PDB file of all heavy atoms in Angstrom:
ATOM      1  N   ASN A   1      71.067  90.935  95.107  1.00  0.00           N
ATOM      2  CA  ASN A   1      69.686  91.117  95.564  1.00  0.00           C
ATOM      3  C   ASN A   1      69.379  92.618  95.606  1.00  0.00           C
ATOM      4  O   ASN A   1      69.947  93.356  96.404  1.00  0.00           O
ATOM      5  CB  ASN A   1      69.518  90.490  96.951  1.00  0.00           C
ATOM      6  CG  ASN A   1      68.056  90.499  97.403  1.00  0.00           C
ATOM      7  OD1 ASN A   1      67.225  91.221  96.854  1.00  0.00           O
ATOM      8  ND2 ASN A   1      67.762  89.696  98.417  1.00  0.00           N
ATOM      9  N   GLN A   2      68.451  93.079  94.744  1.00  0.00           N
ATOM     10  CA  GLN A   2      68.162  94.515  94.651  1.00  0.00           C
ATOM     11  C   GLN A   2      67.608  95.087  95.953  1.00  0.00           C
ATOM     12  O   GLN A   2      67.729  96.287  96.207  1.00  0.00           O
ATOM     13  CB  GLN A   2      67.172  94.769  93.512  1.00  0.00           C
ATOM     14  CG  GLN A   2      67.779  94.529  92.127  1.00  0.00           C
ATOM     15  CD  GLN A   2      66.834  94.950  91.018  1.00  0.00           C
ATOM     16  OE1 GLN A   2      65.641  95.060  91.225  1.00  0.00           O
ATOM     17  NE2 GLN A   2      67.385  95.164  89.829  1.00  0.00           N
ATOM     18  N   LYS A   3      67.024  94.250  96.798  1.00  0.00           N
ATOM     19  CA  LYS A   3      66.481  94.724  98.075  1.00  0.00           C
ATOM     20  C   LYS A   3      67.579  95.263  98.987  1.00  0.00           C
ATOM     21  O   LYS A   3      67.317  96.003  99.930  1.00  0.00           O
ATOM     22  CB  LYS A   3      65.758  93.574  98.792  1.00  0.00           C
ATOM     23  CG  LYS A   3      64.436  93.233  98.150  1.00  0.00           C
ATOM     24  CD  LYS A   3      63.690  92.058  98.761  1.00  0.00           C
ATOM     25  CE  LYS A   3      64.145  91.594 100.085  1.00  0.00           C
ATOM     26  NZ  LYS A   3      63.363  90.424 100.562  1.00  0.00           N
ATOM     27  N   ASN A   4      68.839  94.878  98.702  1.00  0.00           N
ATOM     28  CA  ASN A   4      69.938  95.280  99.586  1.00  0.00           C
ATOM     29  C   ASN A   4      70.659  96.550  99.131  1.00  0.00           C
ATOM     30  O   ASN A   4      71.696  96.900  99.692  1.00  0.00           O
ATOM     31  CB  ASN A   4      70.957  94.139  99.684  1.00  0.00           C
ATOM     32  CG  ASN A   4      70.364  92.891 100.310  1.00  0.00           C
ATOM     33  OD1 ASN A   4      69.529  92.976 101.211  1.00  0.00           O
ATOM     34  ND2 ASN A   4      70.780  91.733  99.834  1.00  0.00           N
ATOM     35  N   GLU A   5      70.100  97.232  98.112  1.00  0.00           N
ATOM     36  CA  GLU A   5      70.807  98.391  97.552  1.00  0.00           C
ATOM     37  C   GLU A   5      71.052  99.485  98.580  1.00  0.00           C
ATOM     38  O   GLU A   5      72.119 100.091  98.621  1.00  0.00           O
ATOM     39  CB  GLU A   5      70.014  98.961  96.364  1.00  0.00           C
ATOM     40  CG  GLU A   5      70.202  98.161  95.087  1.00  0.00           C
ATOM     41  CD  GLU A   5      69.475  98.787  93.907  1.00  0.00           C
ATOM     42  OE1 GLU A   5      68.948  99.907  94.076  1.00  0.00           O
ATOM     43  OE2 GLU A   5      69.437  98.161  92.837  1.00  0.00           O
ATOM     44  N   ALA A   6      70.053  99.744  99.441  1.00  0.00           N
ATOM     45  CA  ALA A   6      70.190 100.816 100.431  1.00  0.00           C
ATOM     46  C   ALA A   6      71.321 100.517 101.401  1.00  0.00           C
ATOM     47  O   ALA A   6      72.139 101.384 101.725  1.00  0.00           O
ATOM     48  CB  ALA A   6      68.881 100.996 101.189  1.00  0.00           C
ATOM     49  N   LEU A   7      71.368  99.276 101.856  1.00  0.00           N
ATOM     50  CA  LEU A   7      72.415  98.892 102.800  1.00  0.00           C
ATOM     51  C   LEU A   7      73.779  98.845 102.116  1.00  0.00           C
ATOM     52  O   LEU A   7      74.794  99.265 102.683  1.00  0.00           O
ATOM     53  CB  LEU A   7      72.085  97.523 103.413  1.00  0.00           C
ATOM     54  CG  LEU A   7      72.932  97.086 104.609  1.00  0.00           C
ATOM     55  CD1 LEU A   7      72.830  98.081 105.749  1.00  0.00           C
ATOM     56  CD2 LEU A   7      72.524  95.706 105.088  1.00  0.00           C
ATOM     57  N   GLN A   8      73.777  98.368 100.869  1.00  0.00           N
ATOM     58  CA  GLN A   8      75.029  98.282 100.122  1.00  0.00           C
ATOM     59  C   GLN A   8      75.656  99.660  99.935  1.00  0.00           C
ATOM     60  O   GLN A   8      76.873  99.833 100.018  1.00  0.00           O
ATOM     61  CB  GLN A   8      74.763  97.631  98.765  1.00  0.00           C
ATOM     62  CG  GLN A   8      76.012  97.418  97.930  1.00  0.00           C
ATOM     63  CD  GLN A   8      75.682  97.026  96.502  1.00  0.00           C
ATOM     64  OE1 GLN A   8      74.585  96.563  96.225  1.00  0.00           O
ATOM     65  NE2 GLN A   8      76.613  97.223  95.598  1.00  0.00           N
ATOM     66  N   SER A   9      74.816 100.661  99.703  1.00  0.00           N
ATOM     67  CA  SER A   9      75.325 102.026  99.496  1.00  0.00           C
ATOM     68  C   SER A   9      75.906 102.609 100.767  1.00  0.00           C
ATOM     69  O   SER A   9      76.588 103.636 100.720  1.00  0.00           O
ATOM     70  CB  SER A   9      74.206 102.928  98.972  1.00  0.00           C
ATOM     71  OG  SER A   9      73.222 103.130  99.981  1.00  0.00           O
ATOM     72  N   ARG A  10      75.631 101.989 101.900  1.00  0.00           N
ATOM     73  CA  ARG A  10      76.149 102.489 103.180  1.00  0.00           C
ATOM     74  C   ARG A  10      77.337 101.659 103.677  1.00  0.00           C
ATOM     75  O   ARG A  10      77.624 101.608 104.860  1.00  0.00           O
ATOM     76  CB  ARG A  10      75.041 102.511 104.224  1.00  0.00           C
ATOM     77  CG  ARG A  10      74.045 103.634 103.987  1.00  0.00           C
ATOM     78  CD  ARG A  10      72.804 103.480 104.849  1.00  0.00           C
ATOM     79  NE  ARG A  10      71.926 104.634 104.742  1.00  0.00           N
ATOM     80  CZ  ARG A  10      71.060 104.851 103.762  1.00  0.00           C
ATOM     81  NH1 ARG A  10      70.982 103.979 102.751  1.00  0.00           N
ATOM     82  NH2 ARG A  10      70.295 105.923 103.744  1.00  0.00           N
ATOM     83  N   MET A  11      77.978 100.963 102.737  1.00  0.00           N
ATOM     84  CA  MET A  11      79.152 100.153 103.081  1.00  0.00           C
ATOM     85  C   MET A  11      80.395 100.652 102.341  1.00  0.00           C
ATOM     86  O   MET A  11      80.309 101.115 101.209  1.00  0.00           O
ATOM     87  CB  MET A  11      78.941  98.679 102.670  1.00  0.00           C
ATOM     88  CG  MET A  11      77.947  97.926 103.477  1.00  0.00           C
ATOM     89  SD  MET A  11      77.850  96.231 102.826  1.00  0.00           S
ATOM     90  CE  MET A  11      76.522  95.578 103.836  1.00  0.00           C
ATOM     91  N   ILE A  12      81.507 100.557 102.993  1.00  0.00           N
ATOM     92  CA  ILE A  12      82.810 100.686 102.337  1.00  0.00           C
ATOM     93  C   ILE A  12      83.400  99.280 102.322  1.00  0.00           C
ATOM     94  O   ILE A  12      83.697  98.719 103.386  1.00  0.00           O
ATOM     95  CB  ILE A  12      83.748 101.627 103.109  1.00  0.00           C
ATOM     96  CG1 ILE A  12      83.205 103.047 103.113  1.00  0.00           C
ATOM     97  CG2 ILE A  12      85.154 101.580 102.524  1.00  0.00           C
ATOM     98  CD1 ILE A  12      83.362 103.793 101.817  1.00  0.00           C
ATOM     99  N   VAL A  13      83.495  98.684 101.141  1.00  0.00           N
ATOM    100  CA  VAL A  13      83.980  97.303 101.039  1.00  0.00           C
ATOM    101  C   VAL A  13      85.491  97.323 100.802  1.00  0.00           C
ATOM    102  O   VAL A  13      85.971  97.940  99.843  1.00  0.00           O
ATOM    103  CB  VAL A  13      83.266  96.540  99.902  1.00  0.00           C
ATOM    104  CG1 VAL A  13      83.796  95.113  99.804  1.00  0.00           C
ATOM    105  CG2 VAL A  13      81.766  96.528 100.152  1.00  0.00           C
ATOM    106  N   MET A  14      86.216  96.675 101.683  1.00  0.00           N
ATOM    107  CA  MET A  14      87.673  96.641 101.595  1.00  0.00           C
ATOM    108  C   MET A  14      88.122  95.198 101.371  1.00  0.00           C
ATOM    109  O   MET A  14      88.028  94.366 102.286  1.00  0.00           O
ATOM    110  CB  MET A  14      88.277  97.183 102.885  1.00  0.00           C
ATOM    111  CG  MET A  14      89.733  97.567 102.777  1.00  0.00           C
ATOM    112  SD  MET A  14      90.048  98.948 101.659  1.00  0.00           S
ATOM    113  CE  MET A  14      89.167 100.275 102.458  1.00  0.00           C
ATOM    114  N   PRO A  15      88.603  94.865 100.162  1.00  0.00           N
ATOM    115  CA  PRO A  15      89.076  93.494  99.925  1.00  0.00           C
ATOM    116  C   PRO A  15      90.315  93.191 100.785  1.00  0.00           C
ATOM    117  O   PRO A  15      91.221  94.022 100.891  1.00  0.00           O
ATOM    118  CB  PRO A  15      89.442  93.492  98.434  1.00  0.00           C
ATOM    119  CG  PRO A  15      88.753  94.684  97.856  1.00  0.00           C
ATOM    120  CD  PRO A  15      88.697  95.694  98.949  1.00  0.00           C
ATOM    121  N   VAL A  16      90.317  92.009 101.391  1.00  0.00           N
ATOM    122  CA  VAL A  16      91.473  91.564 102.183  1.00  0.00           C
ATOM    123  C   VAL A  16      91.951  90.247 101.565  1.00  0.00           C
ATOM    124  O   VAL A  16      91.450  89.170 101.897  1.00  0.00           O
ATOM    125  CB  VAL A  16      91.107  91.356 103.671  1.00  0.00           C
ATOM    126  CG1 VAL A  16      92.344  90.925 104.463  1.00  0.00           C
ATOM    127  CG2 VAL A  16      90.521  92.632 104.257  1.00  0.00           C
ATOM    128  N   PRO A  17      92.902  90.314 100.632  1.00  0.00           N
ATOM    129  CA  PRO A  17      93.357  89.095  99.944  1.00  0.00           C
ATOM    130  C   PRO A  17      94.347  88.312 100.800  1.00  0.00           C
ATOM    131  O   PRO A  17      94.768  88.764 101.869  1.00  0.00           O
ATOM    132  CB  PRO A  17      94.050  89.658  98.696  1.00  0.00           C
ATOM    133  CG  PRO A  17      94.592  90.984  99.154  1.00  0.00           C
ATOM    134  CD  PRO A  17      93.616  91.515 100.169  1.00  0.00           C
ATOM    135  N   TYR A  18      94.732  87.160 100.312  1.00  0.00           N
ATOM    136  CA  TYR A  18      95.817  86.406 100.938  1.00  0.00           C
ATOM    137  C   TYR A  18      97.143  87.145 100.732  1.00  0.00           C
ATOM    138  O   TYR A  18      97.312  87.900  99.766  1.00  0.00           O
ATOM    139  CB  TYR A  18      95.945  85.020 100.306  1.00  0.00           C
ATOM    140  CG  TYR A  18      94.866  84.030 100.698  1.00  0.00           C
ATOM    141  CD1 TYR A  18      94.199  83.289  99.717  1.00  0.00           C
ATOM    142  CD2 TYR A  18      94.540  83.809 102.032  1.00  0.00           C
ATOM    143  CE1 TYR A  18      93.221  82.361 100.064  1.00  0.00           C
ATOM    144  CE2 TYR A  18      93.556  82.896 102.383  1.00  0.00           C
ATOM    145  CZ  TYR A  18      92.907  82.168 101.400  1.00  0.00           C
ATOM    146  OH  TYR A  18      91.944  81.262 101.745  1.00  0.00           O
ATOM    147  N   ASN A  19      98.075  86.880 101.613  1.00  0.00           N
ATOM    148  CA  ASN A  19      99.441  87.368 101.455  1.00  0.00           C
ATOM    149  C   ASN A  19     100.071  86.736 100.209  1.00  0.00           C
ATOM    150  O   ASN A  19      99.849  85.563  99.921  1.00  0.00           O
ATOM    151  CB  ASN A  19     100.241  87.005 102.712  1.00  0.00           C
ATOM    152  CG  ASN A  19     101.721  86.994 102.457  1.00  0.00           C
ATOM    153  OD1 ASN A  19     102.304  87.986 102.060  1.00  0.00           O
ATOM    154  ND2 ASN A  19     102.338  85.836 102.645  1.00  0.00           N
ATOM    155  N   LEU A  20     100.872  87.521  99.485  1.00  0.00           N
ATOM    156  CA  LEU A  20     101.500  87.021  98.257  1.00  0.00           C
ATOM    157  C   LEU A  20     103.026  87.051  98.328  1.00  0.00           C
ATOM    158  O   LEU A  20     103.695  86.957  97.301  1.00  0.00           O
ATOM    159  CB  LEU A  20     101.015  87.840  97.052  1.00  0.00           C
ATOM    160  CG  LEU A  20      99.513  87.762  96.750  1.00  0.00           C
ATOM    161  CD1 LEU A  20      99.146  88.683  95.597  1.00  0.00           C
ATOM    162  CD2 LEU A  20      99.076  86.331  96.455  1.00  0.00           C
ATOM    163  N   LYS A  21     103.575  87.208  99.527  1.00  0.00           N
ATOM    164  CA  LYS A  21     105.033  87.217  99.695  1.00  0.00           C
ATOM    165  C   LYS A  21     105.468  85.965 100.443  1.00  0.00           C
ATOM    166  O   LYS A  21     104.970  85.694 101.547  1.00  0.00           O
ATOM    167  CB  LYS A  21     105.478  88.457 100.468  1.00  0.00           C
ATOM    168  CG  LYS A  21     105.215  89.762  99.743  1.00  0.00           C
ATOM    169  CD  LYS A  21     105.651  90.938 100.610  1.00  0.00           C
ATOM    170  CE  LYS A  21     105.335  92.266  99.939  1.00  0.00           C
ATOM    171  NZ  LYS A  21     105.631  93.408 100.837  1.00  0.00           N
ATOM    172  N   VAL A  22     106.397  85.222  99.861  1.00  0.00           N
ATOM    173  CA  VAL A  22     106.837  83.951 100.454  1.00  0.00           C
ATOM    174  C   VAL A  22     107.418  84.162 101.854  1.00  0.00           C
ATOM    175  O   VAL A  22     107.104  83.419 102.782  1.00  0.00           O
ATOM    176  CB  VAL A  22     107.866  83.253  99.536  1.00  0.00           C
ATOM    177  CG1 VAL A  22     108.495  82.051 100.232  1.00  0.00           C
ATOM    178  CG2 VAL A  22     107.197  82.813  98.237  1.00  0.00           C
ATOM    179  N   SER A  23     108.273  85.167 102.004  1.00  0.00           N
ATOM    180  CA  SER A  23     108.925  85.376 103.301  1.00  0.00           C
ATOM    181  C   SER A  23     107.903  85.702 104.388  1.00  0.00           C
ATOM    182  O   SER A  23     108.032  85.244 105.535  1.00  0.00           O
ATOM    183  CB  SER A  23     109.963  86.493 103.212  1.00  0.00           C
ATOM    184  OG  SER A  23     109.407  87.655 102.654  1.00  0.00           O
ATOM    185  N   ASP A  24     106.851  86.475 104.038  1.00  0.00           N
ATOM    186  CA  ASP A  24     105.813  86.784 105.026  1.00  0.00           C
ATOM    187  C   ASP A  24     104.930  85.568 105.308  1.00  0.00           C
ATOM    188  O   ASP A  24     104.462  85.378 106.434  1.00  0.00           O
ATOM    189  CB  ASP A  24     104.956  87.956 104.545  1.00  0.00           C
ATOM    190  CG  ASP A  24     105.676  89.281 104.682  1.00  0.00           C
ATOM    191  OD1 ASP A  24     106.388  89.464 105.683  1.00  0.00           O
ATOM    192  OD2 ASP A  24     105.549  90.133 103.792  1.00  0.00           O
ATOM    193  N   GLU A  25     104.693  84.748 104.292  1.00  0.00           N
ATOM    194  CA  GLU A  25     103.910  83.524 104.506  1.00  0.00           C
ATOM    195  C   GLU A  25     104.642  82.603 105.476  1.00  0.00           C
ATOM    196  O   GLU A  25     104.031  81.983 106.357  1.00  0.00           O
ATOM    197  CB  GLU A  25     103.672  82.820 103.164  1.00  0.00           C
ATOM    198  CG  GLU A  25     102.685  81.672 103.223  1.00  0.00           C
ATOM    199  CD  GLU A  25     101.240  82.119 103.389  1.00  0.00           C
ATOM    200  OE1 GLU A  25     100.952  83.329 103.255  1.00  0.00           O
ATOM    201  OE2 GLU A  25     100.387  81.249 103.657  1.00  0.00           O
ATOM    202  N   GLU A  26     105.944  82.535 105.331  1.00  0.00           N
ATOM    203  CA  GLU A  26     106.757  81.730 106.253  1.00  0.00           C
ATOM    204  C   GLU A  26     106.615  82.252 107.682  1.00  0.00           C
ATOM    205  O   GLU A  26     106.506  81.471 108.633  1.00  0.00           O
ATOM    206  CB  GLU A  26     108.223  81.777 105.809  1.00  0.00           C
ATOM    207  CG  GLU A  26     109.134  80.854 106.594  1.00  0.00           C
ATOM    208  CD  GLU A  26     110.577  80.920 106.107  1.00  0.00           C
ATOM    209  OE1 GLU A  26     110.903  81.755 105.245  1.00  0.00           O
ATOM    210  OE2 GLU A  26     111.385  80.108 106.610  1.00  0.00           O
ATOM    211  N   ARG A  27     106.592  83.572 107.844  1.00  0.00           N
ATOM    212  CA  ARG A  27     106.421  84.170 109.183  1.00  0.00           C
ATOM    213  C   ARG A  27     105.053  83.812 109.770  1.00  0.00           C
ATOM    214  O   ARG A  27     104.934  83.609 110.979  1.00  0.00           O
ATOM    215  CB  ARG A  27     106.557  85.689 109.106  1.00  0.00           C
ATOM    216  CG  ARG A  27     107.971  86.162 108.832  1.00  0.00           C
ATOM    217  CD  ARG A  27     108.006  87.670 108.638  1.00  0.00           C
ATOM    218  NE  ARG A  27     107.697  88.370 109.881  1.00  0.00           N
ATOM    219  CZ  ARG A  27     107.284  89.633 109.937  1.00  0.00           C
ATOM    220  NH1 ARG A  27     107.115  90.325 108.808  1.00  0.00           N
ATOM    221  NH2 ARG A  27     107.041  90.204 111.090  1.00  0.00           N
TER     222      ARG A  27
END
């Protein structure tokens, strides 16, 4: 949505993915 450009420019987007390590998933 182009209306959100001003707000988007004032964000730092940090991706937070799922864990990919079996031993940590077990924990």
